[in-house]
Amino acid sequence: PRVELEPDITGDWRAGYHARDGVLSAAA
């Protein structure tokens, strides 16, 4: 599959994050 590499966090990257602490905070 195509893997996109970005130097910054994108909205799509954030949408894929589902860690145990839930939504990413500003500190995260």
PDB file of all heavy atoms in Angstrom:
ATOM      1  N   PRO A   1       0.816  -1.211   0.000  1.00  0.00           N
ATOM      2  CA  PRO A   1       0.000   0.000   0.000  1.00  0.00           C
ATOM      3  C   PRO A   1       0.853   1.267   0.000  1.00  0.00           C
ATOM      4  O   PRO A   1       2.006   1.255   0.417  1.00  0.00           O
ATOM      5  CB  PRO A   1      -0.793  -0.120   1.308  1.00  0.00           C
ATOM      6  CG  PRO A   1       0.064  -0.967   2.184  1.00  0.00           C
ATOM      7  CD  PRO A   1       0.713  -1.954   1.263  1.00  0.00           C
ATOM      8  N   ARG A   2       0.256   2.336  -0.458  1.00  0.00           N
ATOM      9  CA  ARG A   2       0.961   3.616  -0.476  1.00  0.00           C
ATOM     10  C   ARG A   2       1.023   4.172   0.940  1.00  0.00           C
ATOM     11  O   ARG A   2       0.019   4.262   1.626  1.00  0.00           O
ATOM     12  CB  ARG A   2       0.235   4.599  -1.391  1.00  0.00           C
ATOM     13  CG  ARG A   2       0.883   5.980  -1.439  1.00  0.00           C
ATOM     14  CD  ARG A   2       0.052   6.931  -2.271  1.00  0.00           C
ATOM     15  NE  ARG A   2       0.642   8.266  -2.276  1.00  0.00           N
ATOM     16  CZ  ARG A   2       0.050   9.327  -2.796  1.00  0.00           C
ATOM     17  NH1 ARG A   2      -1.152   9.202  -3.348  1.00  0.00           N
ATOM     18  NH2 ARG A   2       0.637  10.496  -2.757  1.00  0.00           N
ATOM     19  N   VAL A   3       2.224   4.550   1.348  1.00  0.00           N
ATOM     20  CA  VAL A   3       2.436   5.141   2.668  1.00  0.00           C
ATOM     21  C   VAL A   3       2.890   6.582   2.474  1.00  0.00           C
ATOM     22  O   VAL A   3       3.900   6.834   1.807  1.00  0.00           O
ATOM     23  CB  VAL A   3       3.494   4.368   3.481  1.00  0.00           C
ATOM     24  CG1 VAL A   3       3.675   5.004   4.855  1.00  0.00           C
ATOM     25  CG2 VAL A   3       3.096   2.900   3.614  1.00  0.00           C
ATOM     26  N   GLU A   4       2.150   7.508   3.013  1.00  0.00           N
ATOM     27  CA  GLU A   4       2.517   8.916   2.917  1.00  0.00           C
ATOM     28  C   GLU A   4       3.282   9.332   4.170  1.00  0.00           C
ATOM     29  O   GLU A   4       2.882   9.007   5.290  1.00  0.00           O
ATOM     30  CB  GLU A   4       1.265   9.779   2.754  1.00  0.00           C
ATOM     31  CG  GLU A   4       0.509   9.502   1.469  1.00  0.00           C
ATOM     32  CD  GLU A   4      -0.672  10.428   1.282  1.00  0.00           C
ATOM     33  OE1 GLU A   4      -0.775  11.417   2.043  1.00  0.00           O
ATOM     34  OE2 GLU A   4      -1.499  10.163   0.388  1.00  0.00           O
ATOM     35  N   LEU A   5       4.390  10.037   3.969  1.00  0.00           N
ATOM     36  CA  LEU A   5       5.227  10.511   5.074  1.00  0.00           C
ATOM     37  C   LEU A   5       5.180  12.033   5.097  1.00  0.00           C
ATOM     38  O   LEU A   5       5.550  12.682   4.112  1.00  0.00           O
ATOM     39  CB  LEU A   5       6.664  10.031   4.918  1.00  0.00           C
ATOM     40  CG  LEU A   5       6.888   8.511   4.897  1.00  0.00           C
ATOM     41  CD1 LEU A   5       8.369   8.199   4.722  1.00  0.00           C
ATOM     42  CD2 LEU A   5       6.364   7.863   6.171  1.00  0.00           C
ATOM     43  N   GLU A   6       4.725  12.591   6.205  1.00  0.00           N
ATOM     44  CA  GLU A   6       4.595  14.035   6.340  1.00  0.00           C
ATOM     45  C   GLU A   6       5.429  14.532   7.515  1.00  0.00           C
ATOM     46  O   GLU A   6       5.562  13.838   8.530  1.00  0.00           O
ATOM     47  CB  GLU A   6       3.130  14.424   6.577  1.00  0.00           C
ATOM     48  CG  GLU A   6       2.172  14.026   5.466  1.00  0.00           C
ATOM     49  CD  GLU A   6       2.348  14.873   4.222  1.00  0.00           C
ATOM     50  OE1 GLU A   6       3.006  15.940   4.306  1.00  0.00           O
ATOM     51  OE2 GLU A   6       1.815  14.484   3.164  1.00  0.00           O
ATOM     52  N   PRO A   7       5.994  15.744   7.420  1.00  0.00           N
ATOM     53  CA  PRO A   7       6.793  16.284   8.532  1.00  0.00           C
ATOM     54  C   PRO A   7       5.952  16.833   9.682  1.00  0.00           C
ATOM     55  O   PRO A   7       6.486  17.116  10.752  1.00  0.00           O
ATOM     56  CB  PRO A   7       7.608  17.400   7.867  1.00  0.00           C
ATOM     57  CG  PRO A   7       6.742  17.850   6.727  1.00  0.00           C
ATOM     58  CD  PRO A   7       6.044  16.620   6.235  1.00  0.00           C
ATOM     59  N   ASP A   8       4.648  16.955   9.452  1.00  0.00           N
ATOM     60  CA  ASP A   8       3.755  17.476  10.485  1.00  0.00           C
ATOM     61  C   ASP A   8       2.555  16.557  10.653  1.00  0.00           C
ATOM     62  O   ASP A   8       2.210  15.778   9.752  1.00  0.00           O
ATOM     63  CB  ASP A   8       3.264  18.883  10.119  1.00  0.00           C
ATOM     64  CG  ASP A   8       4.414  19.877   9.964  1.00  0.00           C
ATOM     65  OD1 ASP A   8       5.161  20.057  10.942  1.00  0.00           O
ATOM     66  OD2 ASP A   8       4.565  20.432   8.854  1.00  0.00           O
ATOM     67  N   ILE A   9       1.908  16.679  11.797  1.00  0.00           N
ATOM     68  CA  ILE A   9       0.707  15.883  12.059  1.00  0.00           C
ATOM     69  C   ILE A   9      -0.447  16.420  11.216  1.00  0.00           C
ATOM     70  O   ILE A   9      -0.773  17.607  11.273  1.00  0.00           O
ATOM     71  CB  ILE A   9       0.333  15.940  13.549  1.00  0.00           C
ATOM     72  CG1 ILE A   9       1.466  15.364  14.405  1.00  0.00           C
ATOM     73  CG2 ILE A   9      -0.958  15.178  13.810  1.00  0.00           C
ATOM     74  CD1 ILE A   9       1.236  15.503  15.891  1.00  0.00           C
ATOM     75  N   THR A  10      -1.038  15.553  10.423  1.00  0.00           N
ATOM     76  CA  THR A  10      -2.180  15.937   9.598  1.00  0.00           C
ATOM     77  C   THR A  10      -3.481  15.504  10.273  1.00  0.00           C
ATOM     78  O   THR A  10      -3.480  14.698  11.216  1.00  0.00           O
ATOM     79  CB  THR A  10      -2.095  15.285   8.212  1.00  0.00           C
ATOM     80  OG1 THR A  10      -2.196  13.855   8.367  1.00  0.00           O
ATOM     81  CG2 THR A  10      -0.777  15.623   7.525  1.00  0.00           C
ATOM     82  N   GLY A  11      -4.584  16.013   9.755  1.00  0.00           N
ATOM     83  CA  GLY A  11      -5.879  15.597  10.276  1.00  0.00           C
ATOM     84  C   GLY A  11      -6.116  14.115  10.075  1.00  0.00           C
ATOM     85  O   GLY A  11      -6.697  13.435  10.934  1.00  0.00           O
ATOM     86  N   ASP A  12      -5.653  13.572   8.943  1.00  0.00           N
ATOM     87  CA  ASP A  12      -5.815  12.137   8.684  1.00  0.00           C
ATOM     88  C   ASP A  12      -5.001  11.311   9.687  1.00  0.00           C
ATOM     89  O   ASP A  12      -5.447  10.249  10.135  1.00  0.00           O
ATOM     90  CB  ASP A  12      -5.381  11.813   7.260  1.00  0.00           C
ATOM     91  CG  ASP A  12      -6.401  12.271   6.230  1.00  0.00           C
ATOM     92  OD1 ASP A  12      -7.580  12.427   6.594  1.00  0.00           O
ATOM     93  OD2 ASP A  12      -6.011  12.487   5.072  1.00  0.00           O
ATOM     94  N   TRP A  13      -3.792  11.787  10.012  1.00  0.00           N
ATOM     95  CA  TRP A  13      -2.978  11.054  10.975  1.00  0.00           C
ATOM     96  C   TRP A  13      -3.669  11.041  12.339  1.00  0.00           C
ATOM     97  O   TRP A  13      -3.760  10.005  12.994  1.00  0.00           O
ATOM     98  CB  TRP A  13      -1.594  11.688  11.086  1.00  0.00           C
ATOM     99  CG  TRP A  13      -0.573  10.813  11.769  1.00  0.00           C
ATOM    100  CD1 TRP A  13       0.301   9.960  11.161  1.00  0.00           C
ATOM    101  CD2 TRP A  13      -0.334  10.711  13.180  1.00  0.00           C
ATOM    102  NE1 TRP A  13       1.071   9.315  12.115  1.00  0.00           N
ATOM    103  CE2 TRP A  13       0.710   9.759  13.355  1.00  0.00           C
ATOM    104  CE3 TRP A  13      -0.886  11.313  14.305  1.00  0.00           C
ATOM    105  CZ2 TRP A  13       1.202   9.403  14.611  1.00  0.00           C
ATOM    106  CZ3 TRP A  13      -0.410  10.962  15.565  1.00  0.00           C
ATOM    107  CH2 TRP A  13       0.626  10.014  15.709  1.00  0.00           C
ATOM    108  N   ARG A  14      -4.171  12.192  12.740  1.00  0.00           N
ATOM    109  CA  ARG A  14      -4.883  12.267  14.021  1.00  0.00           C
ATOM    110  C   ARG A  14      -6.106  11.360  14.029  1.00  0.00           C
ATOM    111  O   ARG A  14      -6.434  10.759  15.052  1.00  0.00           O
ATOM    112  CB  ARG A  14      -5.299  13.709  14.313  1.00  0.00           C
ATOM    113  CG  ARG A  14      -4.141  14.623  14.643  1.00  0.00           C
ATOM    114  CD  ARG A  14      -4.599  16.046  14.889  1.00  0.00           C
ATOM    115  NE  ARG A  14      -5.460  16.145  16.061  1.00  0.00           N
ATOM    116  CZ  ARG A  14      -5.910  17.289  16.557  1.00  0.00           C
ATOM    117  NH1 ARG A  14      -5.586  18.442  15.963  1.00  0.00           N
ATOM    118  NH2 ARG A  14      -6.672  17.308  17.618  1.00  0.00           N
ATOM    119  N   ALA A  15      -6.763  11.239  12.887  1.00  0.00           N
ATOM    120  CA  ALA A  15      -7.951  10.395  12.815  1.00  0.00           C
ATOM    121  C   ALA A  15      -7.619   8.926  13.038  1.00  0.00           C
ATOM    122  O   ALA A  15      -8.480   8.142  13.462  1.00  0.00           O
ATOM    123  CB  ALA A  15      -8.624  10.564  11.449  1.00  0.00           C
ATOM    124  N   GLY A  16      -6.380   8.537  12.767  1.00  0.00           N
ATOM    125  CA  GLY A  16      -5.981   7.148  12.954  1.00  0.00           C
ATOM    126  C   GLY A  16      -5.464   6.829  14.331  1.00  0.00           C
ATOM    127  O   GLY A  16      -5.152   5.673  14.630  1.00  0.00           O
ATOM    128  N   TYR A  17      -5.368   7.834  15.182  1.00  0.00           N
ATOM    129  CA  TYR A  17      -4.794   7.627  16.510  1.00  0.00           C
ATOM    130  C   TYR A  17      -5.899   7.286  17.503  1.00  0.00           C
ATOM    131  O   TYR A  17      -6.805   8.081  17.737  1.00  0.00           O
ATOM    132  CB  TYR A  17      -4.047   8.881  16.961  1.00  0.00           C
ATOM    133  CG  TYR A  17      -3.193   8.662  18.190  1.00  0.00           C
ATOM    134  CD1 TYR A  17      -1.836   8.391  18.070  1.00  0.00           C
ATOM    135  CD2 TYR A  17      -3.735   8.707  19.464  1.00  0.00           C
ATOM    136  CE1 TYR A  17      -1.047   8.160  19.174  1.00  0.00           C
ATOM    137  CE2 TYR A  17      -2.959   8.485  20.582  1.00  0.00           C
ATOM    138  CZ  TYR A  17      -1.614   8.215  20.441  1.00  0.00           C
ATOM    139  OH  TYR A  17      -0.842   7.982  21.544  1.00  0.00           O
ATOM    140  N   HIS A  18      -5.802   6.103  18.067  1.00  0.00           N
ATOM    141  CA  HIS A  18      -6.803   5.663  19.042  1.00  0.00           C
ATOM    142  C   HIS A  18      -6.108   5.022  20.238  1.00  0.00           C
ATOM    143  O   HIS A  18      -6.394   3.885  20.613  1.00  0.00           O
ATOM    144  CB  HIS A  18      -7.782   4.676  18.422  1.00  0.00           C
ATOM    145  CG  HIS A  18      -8.522   5.224  17.246  1.00  0.00           C
ATOM    146  ND1 HIS A  18      -8.091   5.065  15.940  1.00  0.00           N
ATOM    147  CD2 HIS A  18      -9.645   5.977  17.179  1.00  0.00           C
ATOM    148  CE1 HIS A  18      -8.929   5.668  15.127  1.00  0.00           C
ATOM    149  NE2 HIS A  18      -9.882   6.233  15.840  1.00  0.00           N
ATOM    150  N   ALA A  19      -5.166   5.736  20.837  1.00  0.00           N
ATOM    151  CA  ALA A  19      -4.416   5.195  21.974  1.00  0.00           C
ATOM    152  C   ALA A  19      -5.311   5.103  23.202  1.00  0.00           C
ATOM    153  O   ALA A  19      -6.430   5.620  23.232  1.00  0.00           O
ATOM    154  CB  ALA A  19      -3.206   6.070  22.278  1.00  0.00           C
ATOM    155  N   ARG A  20      -4.787   4.469  24.230  1.00  0.00           N
ATOM    156  CA  ARG A  20      -5.567   4.215  25.437  1.00  0.00           C
ATOM    157  C   ARG A  20      -6.067   5.491  26.106  1.00  0.00           C
ATOM    158  O   ARG A  20      -7.058   5.485  26.817  1.00  0.00           O
ATOM    159  CB  ARG A  20      -4.728   3.419  26.438  1.00  0.00           C
ATOM    160  CG  ARG A  20      -3.608   4.220  27.062  1.00  0.00           C
ATOM    161  CD  ARG A  20      -2.712   3.365  27.919  1.00  0.00           C
ATOM    162  NE  ARG A  20      -1.966   2.430  27.099  1.00  0.00           N
ATOM    163  CZ  ARG A  20      -1.061   1.598  27.590  1.00  0.00           C
ATOM    164  NH1 ARG A  20      -0.812   1.587  28.870  1.00  0.00           N
ATOM    165  NH2 ARG A  20      -0.405   0.773  26.796  1.00  0.00           N
ATOM    166  N   ASP A  21      -5.357   6.608  25.885  1.00  0.00           N
ATOM    167  CA  ASP A  21      -5.750   7.847  26.531  1.00  0.00           C
ATOM    168  C   ASP A  21      -6.803   8.622  25.746  1.00  0.00           C
ATOM    169  O   ASP A  21      -7.171   9.724  26.113  1.00  0.00           O
ATOM    170  CB  ASP A  21      -4.514   8.741  26.745  1.00  0.00           C
ATOM    171  CG  ASP A  21      -3.522   8.097  27.699  1.00  0.00           C
ATOM    172  OD1 ASP A  21      -3.979   7.388  28.608  1.00  0.00           O
ATOM    173  OD2 ASP A  21      -2.314   8.294  27.528  1.00  0.00           O
ATOM    174  N   GLY A  22      -7.302   8.049  24.642  1.00  0.00           N
ATOM    175  CA  GLY A  22      -8.363   8.697  23.914  1.00  0.00           C
ATOM    176  C   GLY A  22      -7.861   9.809  23.007  1.00  0.00           C
ATOM    177  O   GLY A  22      -6.823   9.695  22.375  1.00  0.00           O
ATOM    178  N   VAL A  23      -8.627  10.888  22.927  1.00  0.00           N
ATOM    179  CA  VAL A  23      -8.310  11.997  22.032  1.00  0.00           C
ATOM    180  C   VAL A  23      -6.979  12.628  22.423  1.00  0.00           C
ATOM    181  O   VAL A  23      -6.673  12.804  23.597  1.00  0.00           O
ATOM    182  CB  VAL A  23      -9.427  13.057  22.089  1.00  0.00           C
ATOM    183  CG1 VAL A  23      -9.081  14.248  21.203  1.00  0.00           C
ATOM    184  CG2 VAL A  23     -10.758  12.436  21.661  1.00  0.00           C
ATOM    185  N   LEU A  24      -6.188  12.974  21.419  1.00  0.00           N
ATOM    186  CA  LEU A  24      -4.892  13.588  21.675  1.00  0.00           C
ATOM    187  C   LEU A  24      -5.069  14.982  22.265  1.00  0.00           C
ATOM    188  O   LEU A  24      -5.736  15.838  21.677  1.00  0.00           O
ATOM    189  CB  LEU A  24      -4.094  13.669  20.371  1.00  0.00           C
ATOM    190  CG  LEU A  24      -3.501  12.359  19.855  1.00  0.00           C
ATOM    191  CD1 LEU A  24      -2.998  12.541  18.433  1.00  0.00           C
ATOM    192  CD2 LEU A  24      -2.391  11.881  20.762  1.00  0.00           C
ATOM    193  N   SER A  25      -4.451  15.208  23.404  1.00  0.00           N
ATOM    194  CA  SER A  25      -4.500  16.508  24.056  1.00  0.00           C
ATOM    195  C   SER A  25      -3.490  17.451  23.403  1.00  0.00           C
ATOM    196  O   SER A  25      -2.651  17.034  22.592  1.00  0.00           O
ATOM    197  CB  SER A  25      -4.168  16.360  25.537  1.00  0.00           C
ATOM    198  OG  SER A  25      -2.827  15.916  25.688  1.00  0.00           O
ATOM    199  N   ALA A  26      -3.569  18.719  23.790  1.00  0.00           N
ATOM    200  CA  ALA A  26      -2.599  19.691  23.275  1.00  0.00           C
ATOM    201  C   ALA A  26      -1.187  19.295  23.682  1.00  0.00           C
ATOM    202  O   ALA A  26      -0.236  19.426  22.899  1.00  0.00           O
ATOM    203  CB  ALA A  26      -2.937  21.084  23.788  1.00  0.00           C
ATOM    204  N   ALA A  27      -1.025  18.782  24.917  1.00  0.00           N
ATOM    205  CA  ALA A  27       0.299  18.354  25.382  1.00  0.00           C
ATOM    206  C   ALA A  27       0.813  17.169  24.576  1.00  0.00           C
ATOM    207  O   ALA A  27       2.001  17.074  24.268  1.00  0.00           O
ATOM    208  CB  ALA A  27       0.236  17.998  26.871  1.00  0.00           C
ATOM    209  N   ALA A  28      -0.088  16.254  24.216  1.00  0.00           N
ATOM    210  CA  ALA A  28       0.303  15.097  23.410  1.00  0.00           C
ATOM    211  C   ALA A  28       0.724  15.525  22.007  1.00  0.00           C
ATOM    212  O   ALA A  28       1.763  15.084  21.495  1.00  0.00           O
ATOM    213  CB  ALA A  28      -0.854  14.102  23.336  1.00  0.00           C
TER     214      ALA A  28
END
